Structures are given as C-alpha cells and as structure tokens.
C-alpha atoms as a PDB file:
ATOM      1  CA  MET A   1     -24.670   2.751 -24.514  1.00  0.00           C
ATOM      2  CA  PRO A   2     -26.445   1.902 -21.343  1.00  0.00           C
ATOM      3  CA  PRO A   3     -29.513   4.067 -20.352  1.00  0.00           C
ATOM      4  CA  PRO A   4     -29.299   6.515 -17.512  1.00  0.00           C
ATOM      5  CA  PRO A   5     -30.063   5.198 -14.036  1.00  0.00           C
ATOM      6  CA  ASP A   6     -33.596   4.741 -13.335  1.00  0.00           C
ATOM      7  CA  ARG A   7     -34.395   3.647  -9.909  1.00  0.00           C
ATOM      8  CA  GLY A   8     -37.993   4.630  -9.166  1.00  0.00           C
ATOM      9  CA  ALA A   9     -40.349   2.920  -6.643  1.00  0.00           C
ATOM     10  CA  GLY A  10     -39.812  -1.020  -6.904  1.00  0.00           C
ATOM     11  CA  VAL A  11     -37.020  -0.601  -9.034  1.00  0.00           C
ATOM     12  CA  GLU A  12     -33.794  -2.751  -7.593  1.00  0.00           C
ATOM     13  CA  ARG A  13     -30.055  -2.377  -8.560  1.00  0.00           C
ATOM     14  CA  ARG A  14     -28.492  -5.168  -9.895  1.00  0.00           C
ATOM     15  CA  HIS A  15     -25.245  -6.630  -8.321  1.00  0.00           C
ATOM     16  CA  VAL A  16     -22.908  -7.376 -10.741  1.00  0.00           C
ATOM     17  CA  PHE A  17     -19.153  -8.695 -10.013  1.00  0.00           C
ATOM     18  CA  VAL A  18     -16.613  -8.091 -12.274  1.00  0.00           C
ATOM     19  CA  THR A  19     -13.154  -9.251 -12.002  1.00  0.00           C
ATOM     20  CA  GLY A  20      -9.885  -7.285 -13.334  1.00  0.00           C
ATOM     21  CA  ALA A  21     -11.866  -4.253 -13.321  1.00  0.00           C
ATOM     22  CA  SER A  22      -9.092  -1.498 -12.306  1.00  0.00           C
ATOM     23  CA  ARG A  23      -8.564  -0.818 -15.705  1.00  0.00           C
ATOM     24  CA  GLY A  24      -9.364  -1.733 -19.413  1.00  0.00           C
ATOM     25  CA  ILE A  25     -11.868  -3.469 -20.337  1.00  0.00           C
ATOM     26  CA  GLY A  26     -12.876  -4.215 -16.348  1.00  0.00           C
ATOM     27  CA  ARG A  27     -13.246  -1.058 -15.838  1.00  0.00           C
ATOM     28  CA  ALA A  28     -15.317  -0.159 -18.951  1.00  0.00           C
ATOM     29  CA  THR A  29     -17.604  -3.087 -17.753  1.00  0.00           C
ATOM     30  CA  ALA A  30     -18.095  -1.667 -14.462  1.00  0.00           C
ATOM     31  CA  LEU A  31     -19.071   1.699 -16.096  1.00  0.00           C
ATOM     32  CA  ALA A  32     -21.375   0.200 -17.955  1.00  0.00           C
ATOM     33  CA  PHE A  33     -23.351  -1.249 -15.256  1.00  0.00           C
ATOM     34  CA  ALA A  34     -22.861   1.821 -13.298  1.00  0.00           C
ATOM     35  CA  ARG A  35     -24.564   3.839 -15.522  1.00  0.00           C
ATOM     36  CA  GLU A  36     -27.929   1.299 -14.901  1.00  0.00           C
ATOM     37  CA  GLY A  37     -27.611   1.930 -11.070  1.00  0.00           C
ATOM     38  CA  ALA A  38     -25.971  -1.468 -10.325  1.00  0.00           C
ATOM     39  CA  ARG A  39     -23.830  -2.258  -7.204  1.00  0.00           C
ATOM     40  CA  VAL A  40     -20.661  -3.430  -8.862  1.00  0.00           C
ATOM     41  CA  ALA A  41     -18.306  -5.429  -6.950  1.00  0.00           C
ATOM     42  CA  ILE A  42     -14.680  -4.128  -8.481  1.00  0.00           C
ATOM     43  CA  ASN A  43     -11.825  -6.876  -8.299  1.00  0.00           C
ATOM     44  CA  TYR A  44      -8.056  -5.873  -8.607  1.00  0.00           C
ATOM     45  CA  VAL A  45      -4.669  -7.514  -7.747  1.00  0.00           C
ATOM     46  CA  GLY A  46      -3.304  -4.760  -5.493  1.00  0.00           C
ATOM     47  CA  ASP A  47      -0.145  -6.480  -4.935  1.00  0.00           C
ATOM     48  CA  GLN A  48       3.661  -5.524  -4.740  1.00  0.00           C
ATOM     49  CA  ALA A  49       3.879  -7.224  -8.180  1.00  0.00           C
ATOM     50  CA  HIS A  50       1.333  -4.765  -9.638  1.00  0.00           C
ATOM     51  CA  PRO A  51       2.636  -1.419  -8.406  1.00  0.00           C
ATOM     52  CA  GLY A  52      -0.413   1.441  -8.617  1.00  0.00           C
ATOM     53  CA  ASP A  53      -2.994  -1.480  -9.180  1.00  0.00           C
ATOM     54  CA  GLU A  54      -5.027  -0.273  -6.093  1.00  0.00           C
ATOM     55  CA  ALA A  55      -4.764   3.175  -6.922  1.00  0.00           C
ATOM     56  CA  ALA A  56      -6.581   2.512 -10.682  1.00  0.00           C
ATOM     57  CA  ALA A  57      -8.988   0.333  -8.570  1.00  0.00           C
ATOM     58  CA  GLU A  58      -9.941   3.196  -6.212  1.00  0.00           C
ATOM     59  CA  GLU A  59     -10.033   5.258  -9.653  1.00  0.00           C
ATOM     60  CA  THR A  60     -12.463   2.841 -11.052  1.00  0.00           C
ATOM     61  CA  ALA A  61     -14.911   3.038  -7.972  1.00  0.00           C
ATOM     62  CA  THR A  62     -14.731   7.008  -8.214  1.00  0.00           C
ATOM     63  CA  LEU A  63     -15.896   6.775 -11.930  1.00  0.00           C
ATOM     64  CA  VAL A  64     -18.407   3.869 -11.085  1.00  0.00           C
ATOM     65  CA  GLU A  65     -20.220   6.372  -8.178  1.00  0.00           C
ATOM     66  CA  ASP A  66     -20.000   9.307 -10.677  1.00  0.00           C
ATOM     67  CA  ALA A  67     -22.141   7.010 -13.041  1.00  0.00           C
ATOM     68  CA  GLY A  68     -24.530   6.400 -10.804  1.00  0.00           C
ATOM     69  CA  GLY A  69     -23.362   3.220  -9.538  1.00  0.00           C
ATOM     70  CA  GLU A  70     -22.385   1.845  -5.938  1.00  0.00           C
ATOM     71  CA  PRO A  71     -18.768   0.311  -5.957  1.00  0.00           C
ATOM     72  CA  PHE A  72     -17.390  -2.146  -3.623  1.00  0.00           C
ATOM     73  CA  LEU A  73     -13.462  -2.557  -3.992  1.00  0.00           C
ATOM     74  CA  VAL A  74     -12.277  -6.537  -3.421  1.00  0.00           C
ATOM     75  CA  ARG A  75      -8.656  -7.054  -3.281  1.00  0.00           C
ATOM     76  CA  ALA A  76      -7.556 -10.466  -4.565  1.00  0.00           C
ATOM     77  CA  ASP A  77      -5.253 -12.549  -6.819  1.00  0.00           C
ATOM     78  CA  LEU A  78      -7.090 -14.902  -9.285  1.00  0.00           C
ATOM     79  CA  GLY A  79      -3.968 -17.128  -9.386  1.00  0.00           C
ATOM     80  CA  VAL A  80      -4.463 -18.215  -5.745  1.00  0.00           C
ATOM     81  CA  GLY A  81      -7.571 -20.047  -4.851  1.00  0.00           C
ATOM     82  CA  ASP A  82      -7.061 -19.426  -1.157  1.00  0.00           C
ATOM     83  CA  GLU A  83      -7.863 -15.542  -2.161  1.00  0.00           C
ATOM     84  CA  VAL A  84     -10.544 -16.390  -4.644  1.00  0.00           C
ATOM     85  CA  ALA A  85     -12.415 -18.016  -1.704  1.00  0.00           C
ATOM     86  CA  ARG A  86     -12.098 -15.018   0.378  1.00  0.00           C
ATOM     87  CA  MET A  87     -12.985 -12.592  -2.206  1.00  0.00           C
ATOM     88  CA  VAL A  88     -16.276 -14.392  -3.267  1.00  0.00           C
ATOM     89  CA  ARG A  89     -17.062 -14.335   0.778  1.00  0.00           C
ATOM     90  CA  GLU A  90     -16.633 -10.804   0.778  1.00  0.00           C
ATOM     91  CA  VAL A  91     -18.299  -9.711  -2.330  1.00  0.00           C
ATOM     92  CA  LEU A  92     -21.382 -12.071  -1.110  1.00  0.00           C
ATOM     93  CA  GLY A  93     -21.176 -10.736   2.290  1.00  0.00           C
ATOM     94  CA  ALA A  94     -21.365  -7.033   0.840  1.00  0.00           C
ATOM     95  CA  LEU A  95     -23.782  -7.606  -2.094  1.00  0.00           C
ATOM     96  CA  SER A  96     -25.915 -10.599  -0.262  1.00  0.00           C
ATOM     97  CA  HIS A  97     -26.314 -11.852  -4.077  1.00  0.00           C
ATOM     98  CA  VAL A  98     -24.947 -11.746  -7.308  1.00  0.00           C
ATOM     99  CA  ASP A  99     -26.777 -11.122 -10.687  1.00  0.00           C
ATOM    100  CA  VAL A 100     -24.349 -11.076 -13.230  1.00  0.00           C
ATOM    101  CA  LEU A 101     -20.919 -12.198 -12.763  1.00  0.00           C
ATOM    102  CA  VAL A 102     -18.408 -10.972 -15.805  1.00  0.00           C
ATOM    103  CA  LEU A 103     -14.992 -13.174 -15.324  1.00  0.00           C
ATOM    104  CA  ASN A 104     -12.594 -10.766 -16.960  1.00  0.00           C
ATOM    105  CA  ALA A 105      -9.399 -11.199 -15.178  1.00  0.00           C
ATOM    106  CA  GLY A 106      -6.521 -12.055 -17.310  1.00  0.00           C
ATOM    107  CA  ILE A 107      -2.613 -11.716 -18.095  1.00  0.00           C
ATOM    108  CA  CYS A 108      -0.575 -11.975 -21.424  1.00  0.00           C
ATOM    109  CA  PRO A 109       2.922 -11.605 -20.831  1.00  0.00           C
ATOM    110  CA  PHE A 110       3.870 -11.557 -24.227  1.00  0.00           C
ATOM    111  CA  ARG A 111       6.979 -14.032 -24.883  1.00  0.00           C
ATOM    112  CA  PRO A 112       8.770 -15.606 -27.618  1.00  0.00           C
ATOM    113  CA  PHE A 113       7.797 -19.388 -27.523  1.00  0.00           C
ATOM    114  CA  PHE A 114      11.517 -20.752 -26.710  1.00  0.00           C
ATOM    115  CA  GLU A 115      11.812 -18.141 -23.868  1.00  0.00           C
ATOM    116  CA  LEU A 116       8.983 -19.280 -22.263  1.00  0.00           C
ATOM    117  CA  ASP A 117       9.351 -21.285 -18.810  1.00  0.00           C
ATOM    118  CA  GLU A 118       7.200 -23.010 -16.430  1.00  0.00           C
ATOM    119  CA  ALA A 119       6.598 -20.368 -14.156  1.00  0.00           C
ATOM    120  CA  LEU A 120       5.325 -17.838 -16.864  1.00  0.00           C
ATOM    121  CA  TRP A 121       2.951 -21.134 -18.260  1.00  0.00           C
ATOM    122  CA  ASP A 122       1.736 -21.853 -15.102  1.00  0.00           C
ATOM    123  CA  ARG A 123       0.925 -18.324 -13.835  1.00  0.00           C
ATOM    124  CA  THR A 124      -1.039 -17.485 -16.865  1.00  0.00           C
ATOM    125  CA  HIS A 125      -3.197 -20.659 -16.409  1.00  0.00           C
ATOM    126  CA  ASP A 126      -3.638 -19.873 -13.109  1.00  0.00           C
ATOM    127  CA  VAL A 127      -4.711 -16.366 -13.627  1.00  0.00           C
ATOM    128  CA  ASN A 128      -6.693 -16.584 -16.922  1.00  0.00           C
ATOM    129  CA  LEU A 129      -8.128 -20.248 -16.641  1.00  0.00           C
ATOM    130  CA  LYS A 130      -8.054 -21.584 -13.011  1.00  0.00           C
ATOM    131  CA  GLY A 131      -8.845 -18.195 -11.535  1.00  0.00           C
ATOM    132  CA  ALA A 132     -12.211 -18.041 -13.858  1.00  0.00           C
ATOM    133  CA  PHE A 133     -13.061 -21.763 -12.853  1.00  0.00           C
ATOM    134  CA  LEU A 134     -13.015 -20.804  -9.344  1.00  0.00           C
ATOM    135  CA  THR A 135     -14.411 -18.170  -9.082  1.00  0.00           C
ATOM    136  CA  ALA A 136     -17.588 -19.211 -11.372  1.00  0.00           C
ATOM    137  CA  GLN A 137     -18.119 -22.193  -9.188  1.00  0.00           C
ATOM    138  CA  ALA A 138     -18.261 -19.852  -6.121  1.00  0.00           C
ATOM    139  CA  VAL A 139     -20.531 -17.747  -7.335  1.00  0.00           C
ATOM    140  CA  ALA A 140     -22.473 -19.976  -9.709  1.00  0.00           C
ATOM    141  CA  ARG A 141     -23.163 -22.221  -6.357  1.00  0.00           C
ATOM    142  CA  SER A 142     -24.639 -18.972  -4.736  1.00  0.00           C
ATOM    143  CA  MET A 143     -26.526 -18.060  -7.745  1.00  0.00           C
ATOM    144  CA  VAL A 144     -28.307 -21.828  -7.675  1.00  0.00           C
ATOM    145  CA  ASP A 145     -29.084 -21.553  -4.213  1.00  0.00           C
ATOM    146  CA  ARG A 146     -30.637 -18.207  -4.350  1.00  0.00           C
ATOM    147  CA  GLY A 147     -32.545 -19.963  -6.947  1.00  0.00           C
ATOM    148  CA  THR A 148     -33.524 -16.734  -9.450  1.00  0.00           C
ATOM    149  CA  GLY A 149     -30.986 -17.269 -12.264  1.00  0.00           C
ATOM    150  CA  GLY A 150     -28.659 -15.138 -13.291  1.00  0.00           C
ATOM    151  CA  ARG A 151     -25.633 -14.043 -15.931  1.00  0.00           C
ATOM    152  CA  ILE A 152     -21.845 -15.643 -16.450  1.00  0.00           C
ATOM    153  CA  ILE A 153     -20.223 -13.573 -19.185  1.00  0.00           C
ATOM    154  CA  ALA A 154     -16.814 -14.002 -19.622  1.00  0.00           C
ATOM    155  CA  THR A 155     -13.871 -11.931 -21.671  1.00  0.00           C
ATOM    156  CA  SER A 156     -12.359 -14.617 -23.690  1.00  0.00           C
ATOM    157  CA  SER A 157     -10.486 -13.380 -26.785  1.00  0.00           C
ATOM    158  CA  ILE A 158     -10.162 -13.983 -30.584  1.00  0.00           C
ATOM    159  CA  SER A 159      -6.896 -15.735 -29.367  1.00  0.00           C
ATOM    160  CA  ALA A 160      -9.197 -18.560 -28.361  1.00  0.00           C
ATOM    161  CA  LEU A 161      -9.586 -19.072 -32.373  1.00  0.00           C
ATOM    162  CA  VAL A 162      -5.973 -18.245 -33.604  1.00  0.00           C
ATOM    163  CA  GLY A 163      -2.964 -18.546 -32.832  1.00  0.00           C
ATOM    164  CA  GLY A 164       0.151 -15.878 -31.543  1.00  0.00           C
ATOM    165  CA  SER A 165       3.521 -16.429 -32.000  1.00  0.00           C
ATOM    166  CA  ASN A 166       4.483 -14.640 -28.871  1.00  0.00           C
ATOM    167  CA  GLN A 167       1.138 -15.920 -27.144  1.00  0.00           C
ATOM    168  CA  VAL A 168       1.734 -19.787 -26.902  1.00  0.00           C
ATOM    169  CA  HIS A 169       1.156 -19.662 -23.293  1.00  0.00           C
ATOM    170  CA  TYR A 170      -2.024 -17.397 -23.434  1.00  0.00           C
ATOM    171  CA  CYS A 171      -4.097 -18.576 -26.464  1.00  0.00           C
ATOM    172  CA  PRO A 172      -4.601 -22.099 -24.831  1.00  0.00           C
ATOM    173  CA  THR A 173      -6.472 -20.062 -21.409  1.00  0.00           C
ATOM    174  CA  LYS A 174      -8.923 -18.160 -23.861  1.00  0.00           C
ATOM    175  CA  ALA A 175      -9.190 -21.457 -25.586  1.00  0.00           C
ATOM    176  CA  GLY A 176      -9.653 -23.343 -22.265  1.00  0.00           C
ATOM    177  CA  LEU A 177     -12.151 -20.431 -21.126  1.00  0.00           C
ATOM    178  CA  SER A 178     -14.359 -20.566 -23.857  1.00  0.00           C
ATOM    179  CA  ALA A 179     -14.637 -24.186 -23.775  1.00  0.00           C
ATOM    180  CA  MET A 180     -15.749 -23.748 -19.927  1.00  0.00           C
ATOM    181  CA  ILE A 181     -18.497 -21.473 -20.872  1.00  0.00           C
ATOM    182  CA  ARG A 182     -19.819 -24.021 -23.139  1.00  0.00           C
ATOM    183  CA  SER A 183     -19.988 -26.615 -20.377  1.00  0.00           C
ATOM    184  CA  LEU A 184     -21.330 -24.322 -18.184  1.00  0.00           C
ATOM    185  CA  ALA A 185     -23.949 -23.258 -20.055  1.00  0.00           C
ATOM    186  CA  ILE A 186     -25.175 -26.881 -20.264  1.00  0.00           C
ATOM    187  CA  VAL A 187     -24.548 -27.433 -16.362  1.00  0.00           C
ATOM    188  CA  LEU A 188     -26.003 -24.017 -15.267  1.00  0.00           C
ATOM    189  CA  GLY A 189     -28.804 -23.442 -17.972  1.00  0.00           C
ATOM    190  CA  PRO A 190     -31.400 -25.974 -16.047  1.00  0.00           C
ATOM    191  CA  HIS A 191     -31.151 -23.261 -13.079  1.00  0.00           C
ATOM    192  CA  GLN A 192     -32.015 -20.331 -15.499  1.00  0.00           C
ATOM    193  CA  ILE A 193     -28.570 -19.205 -15.296  1.00  0.00           C
ATOM    194  CA  THR A 194     -27.117 -18.372 -19.067  1.00  0.00           C
ATOM    195  CA  CYS A 195     -23.295 -18.374 -19.567  1.00  0.00           C
ATOM    196  CA  ASN A 196     -21.934 -16.771 -22.630  1.00  0.00           C
ATOM    197  CA  ALA A 197     -18.467 -15.139 -23.738  1.00  0.00           C
ATOM    198  CA  VAL A 198     -17.440 -12.323 -25.652  1.00  0.00           C
ATOM    199  CA  LEU A 199     -13.980 -12.373 -27.779  1.00  0.00           C
ATOM    200  CA  PRO A 200     -12.333  -9.041 -27.965  1.00  0.00           C
ATOM    201  CA  GLY A 201      -9.702  -8.558 -31.099  1.00  0.00           C
ATOM    202  CA  SER A 202      -7.194  -5.845 -30.978  1.00  0.00           C
ATOM    203  CA  ILE A 203      -7.866  -3.689 -27.948  1.00  0.00           C
ATOM    204  CA  GLU A 204      -6.151  -0.870 -26.453  1.00  0.00           C
ATOM    205  CA  THR A 205      -5.360  -1.931 -22.928  1.00  0.00           C
ATOM    206  CA  ASP A 206      -2.480  -2.118 -20.686  1.00  0.00           C
ATOM    207  CA  ILE A 207      -1.902  -6.160 -21.856  1.00  0.00           C
ATOM    208  CA  ASN A 208      -1.626  -4.943 -25.363  1.00  0.00           C
ATOM    209  CA  ARG A 209       0.303  -1.538 -24.987  1.00  0.00           C
ATOM    210  CA  ALA A 210       4.024  -2.599 -25.446  1.00  0.00           C
ATOM    211  CA  ASP A 211       3.112  -4.904 -28.695  1.00  0.00           C
ATOM    212  CA  PHE A 212       1.258  -2.090 -29.743  1.00  0.00           C
ATOM    213  CA  ALA A 213       4.104   0.295 -29.720  1.00  0.00           C
ATOM    214  CA  GLN A 214       6.408  -1.995 -31.992  1.00  0.00           C
ATOM    215  CA  PRO A 215       7.400  -0.394 -35.295  1.00  0.00           C
ATOM    216  CA  GLY A 216       4.809  -0.521 -37.572  1.00  0.00           C
ATOM    217  CA  LYS A 217       2.281  -2.768 -35.442  1.00  0.00           C
ATOM    218  CA  ARG A 218      -0.445  -0.187 -35.038  1.00  0.00           C
ATOM    219  CA  ALA A 219      -0.313   0.782 -38.643  1.00  0.00           C
ATOM    220  CA  TYR A 220      -0.754  -3.013 -39.066  1.00  0.00           C
ATOM    221  CA  LEU A 221      -3.443  -3.837 -37.447  1.00  0.00           C
ATOM    222  CA  GLU A 222      -5.659  -0.922 -37.956  1.00  0.00           C
ATOM    223  CA  GLY A 223      -5.441  -1.552 -41.668  1.00  0.00           C
ATOM    224  CA  ARG A 224      -6.643  -5.284 -40.949  1.00  0.00           C
ATOM    225  CA  VAL A 225      -9.423  -3.949 -39.241  1.00  0.00           C
ATOM    226  CA  PRO A 226     -12.160  -2.775 -41.321  1.00  0.00           C
ATOM    227  CA  LEU A 227     -13.366  -0.155 -39.463  1.00  0.00           C
ATOM    228  CA  ARG A 228      -9.760   1.175 -39.523  1.00  0.00           C
ATOM    229  CA  ARG A 229      -9.392   1.401 -36.038  1.00  0.00           C
ATOM    230  CA  LEU A 230      -8.122  -0.522 -32.817  1.00  0.00           C
ATOM    231  CA  GLY A 231     -10.978  -1.514 -30.569  1.00  0.00           C
ATOM    232  CA  GLU A 232     -11.626   0.795 -26.850  1.00  0.00           C
ATOM    233  CA  PRO A 233     -12.237  -0.755 -23.735  1.00  0.00           C
ATOM    234  CA  ARG A 234     -15.982   0.697 -23.886  1.00  0.00           C
ATOM    235  CA  ASP A 235     -16.438  -0.926 -27.375  1.00  0.00           C
ATOM    236  CA  VAL A 236     -16.096  -4.433 -25.058  1.00  0.00           C
ATOM    237  CA  GLY A 237     -17.346  -3.044 -21.945  1.00  0.00           C
ATOM    238  CA  ASP A 238     -20.908  -1.881 -23.790  1.00  0.00           C
ATOM    239  CA  VAL A 239     -21.455  -5.384 -25.477  1.00  0.00           C
ATOM    240  CA  ILE A 240     -20.985  -6.918 -22.276  1.00  0.00           C
ATOM    241  CA  TRP A 241     -23.603  -5.066 -20.715  1.00  0.00           C
ATOM    242  CA  LEU A 242     -25.788  -5.734 -23.647  1.00  0.00           C
ATOM    243  CA  MET A 243     -25.345  -9.499 -22.814  1.00  0.00           C
ATOM    244  CA  SER A 244     -26.399  -9.198 -19.382  1.00  0.00           C
ATOM    245  CA  GLN A 245     -30.221  -7.848 -20.226  1.00  0.00           C
ATOM    246  CA  GLU A 246     -33.481  -9.299 -20.387  1.00  0.00           C
ATOM    247  CA  GLY A 247     -33.431  -9.411 -24.047  1.00  0.00           C
ATOM    248  CA  MET A 248     -30.337 -11.985 -24.016  1.00  0.00           C
ATOM    249  CA  ARG A 249     -32.565 -14.532 -21.700  1.00  0.00           C
ATOM    250  CA  TYR A 250     -32.410 -17.122 -24.688  1.00  0.00           C
ATOM    251  CA  VAL A 251     -29.179 -16.777 -25.484  1.00  0.00           C
ATOM    252  CA  ASN A 252     -26.918 -19.331 -24.069  1.00  0.00           C
ATOM    253  CA  GLY A 253     -23.125 -20.933 -24.538  1.00  0.00           C
ATOM    254  CA  ALA A 254     -22.455 -18.303 -27.215  1.00  0.00           C
ATOM    255  CA  GLU A 255     -19.687 -16.550 -28.126  1.00  0.00           C
ATOM    256  CA  LEU A 256     -19.528 -13.176 -29.407  1.00  0.00           C
ATOM    257  CA  VAL A 257     -16.653 -11.809 -31.159  1.00  0.00           C
ATOM    258  CA  VAL A 258     -15.808  -8.006 -30.975  1.00  0.00           C
ATOM    259  CA  ASP A 259     -13.250  -7.065 -33.108  1.00  0.00           C
ATOM    260  CA  GLY A 260     -14.019  -4.412 -35.532  1.00  0.00           C
ATOM    261  CA  GLY A 261     -13.961  -7.167 -38.329  1.00  0.00           C
ATOM    262  CA  LEU A 262     -10.607  -8.481 -37.988  1.00  0.00           C
ATOM    263  CA  LEU A 263     -11.221 -11.924 -38.219  1.00  0.00           C
ATOM    264  CA  VAL A 264     -13.232 -12.141 -41.409  1.00  0.00           C
ATOM    265  CA  ASN A 265     -10.797  -9.921 -43.466  1.00  0.00           C
ATOM    266  CA  LEU A 266      -8.471 -12.181 -45.672  1.00  0.00           C
ATOM    267  CA  GLU A 267      -7.311  -9.022 -48.052  1.00  0.00           C
END
C-alpha cells in the first residue's frame, strides 16, 4: 500500500492525471496517489448517457481529499477529440504540469459477435484506443517540453492476449493499447518518459458486474483464479502506483499482468 503523505520542507506533491477515474480501477488509482499526497486530476465523462457519473466523480474527489491528496475534476468524453484537447488544456492549466499520466478510461459493452454493429465498434475503439492516443500525445508533448521526464501507465487488459466471445470489439482495442505503449516507450524513452501497461484480469468493476452476475459465472472464474477470488479495483490501482515509483525508473515498454494467476492456470 502507498505510504501516508510526507510533505515536509522541500517535498513537492506529484501531479497525476487519471482518465476514467470516477469509479472502479480509476478511482482506486486516484486514491493510491492521494495517499502519497499527490495532486490528482480526475477525469469523468458526465454526460446524459452516463447518469450518476458526475456524482461518482465528486465522491472520488472527496475520497482523494480525505486520503491526503488534492483533487481536480475534469469532465470529458475520451471518444471525442475536441473534448480530449480541451480536457488536457484544463488539466495543464490547473496543475501546471503532469508527472504521471494514467490512461485508464475504457468501455466494454458485452455483445455477441453477430449482434455487433458499426456504431458500437467505432464507439469502443474511439474511447479505448483513440482517446488514449490523443491524451497521451497531448500530455507527452507537455512532458517533453518541460524536460523533466515522466511516467505514462496504461490500463490494458488480459483481453489484449486472449479472446472473448462477447468482446470481439473490445479485445482489439486492448491489444492496440498495449502495442501503442510499446511504441511510445521507444519514442519517449530518450526524454526519460517511461511507458508501461498493466493487464488486469477479472476485476469487480461496473464494466464486469452484469457479466459476473450470470448464473455460475462468478463461481467459475473464482475457481479458475489460483487465489480463489475475483480482483478488486485496489489490486490494480496499487500496482499502477508502484509502477510510477522511482524504483521503476528502468522499466520501459513492459506489461504487468494483474490477474491473480488466471492466465497461467490451465487446470
């Protein structure tokens, strides 16, 4: 777990930007950084198609503050380029710079292959991959201009490595995100900006709640995971925090699976 805040003389808060941070893994990540006393920009979508998201983001902000961090809320739909550009401008205006960017925003509307339409395919790719690219490009440019390095960490998925019968539209976005991070590691490494990804497995979040509620699904997954439980958002958020630490300075272009051993279990 991250240590409690230690902001003595000369110790500056890190500036952290987490996309998709109103709940789930994003919220857990924001709280992990809050416990070190960071200033945390919390992105949420907050439109009519996502009722309750603004209230959830405000709750995240309260939790961040209670944990010792300094929150800043920023609304934007990551699937819309103009909103991404405006979001990054607002974050840089509020924080002055970003030390750690966490590309966490993502959607996964489970849908059988033959029921997928072009609109859902495009929307999933726009949010999960295009939005991550545009955010990374804009924030990385500011990191390069500042010249003090940085960290970019993406929430990919074990779905980047395996398939899913109801995730034909989703798995390619996570494979693409992982590939993008490997390429960014090459591009940004000379600027001392490391780029890595975490690959969560079966984590209890809003994305998976309906799927886990299917008869027998939870018991099946818990039986497949050697730790015999589904993951919690903090299981991933704490790992993202660890990947941002000074001790990870020479880790670049890496992918860390956070799945309780699900992928290695063939029994």
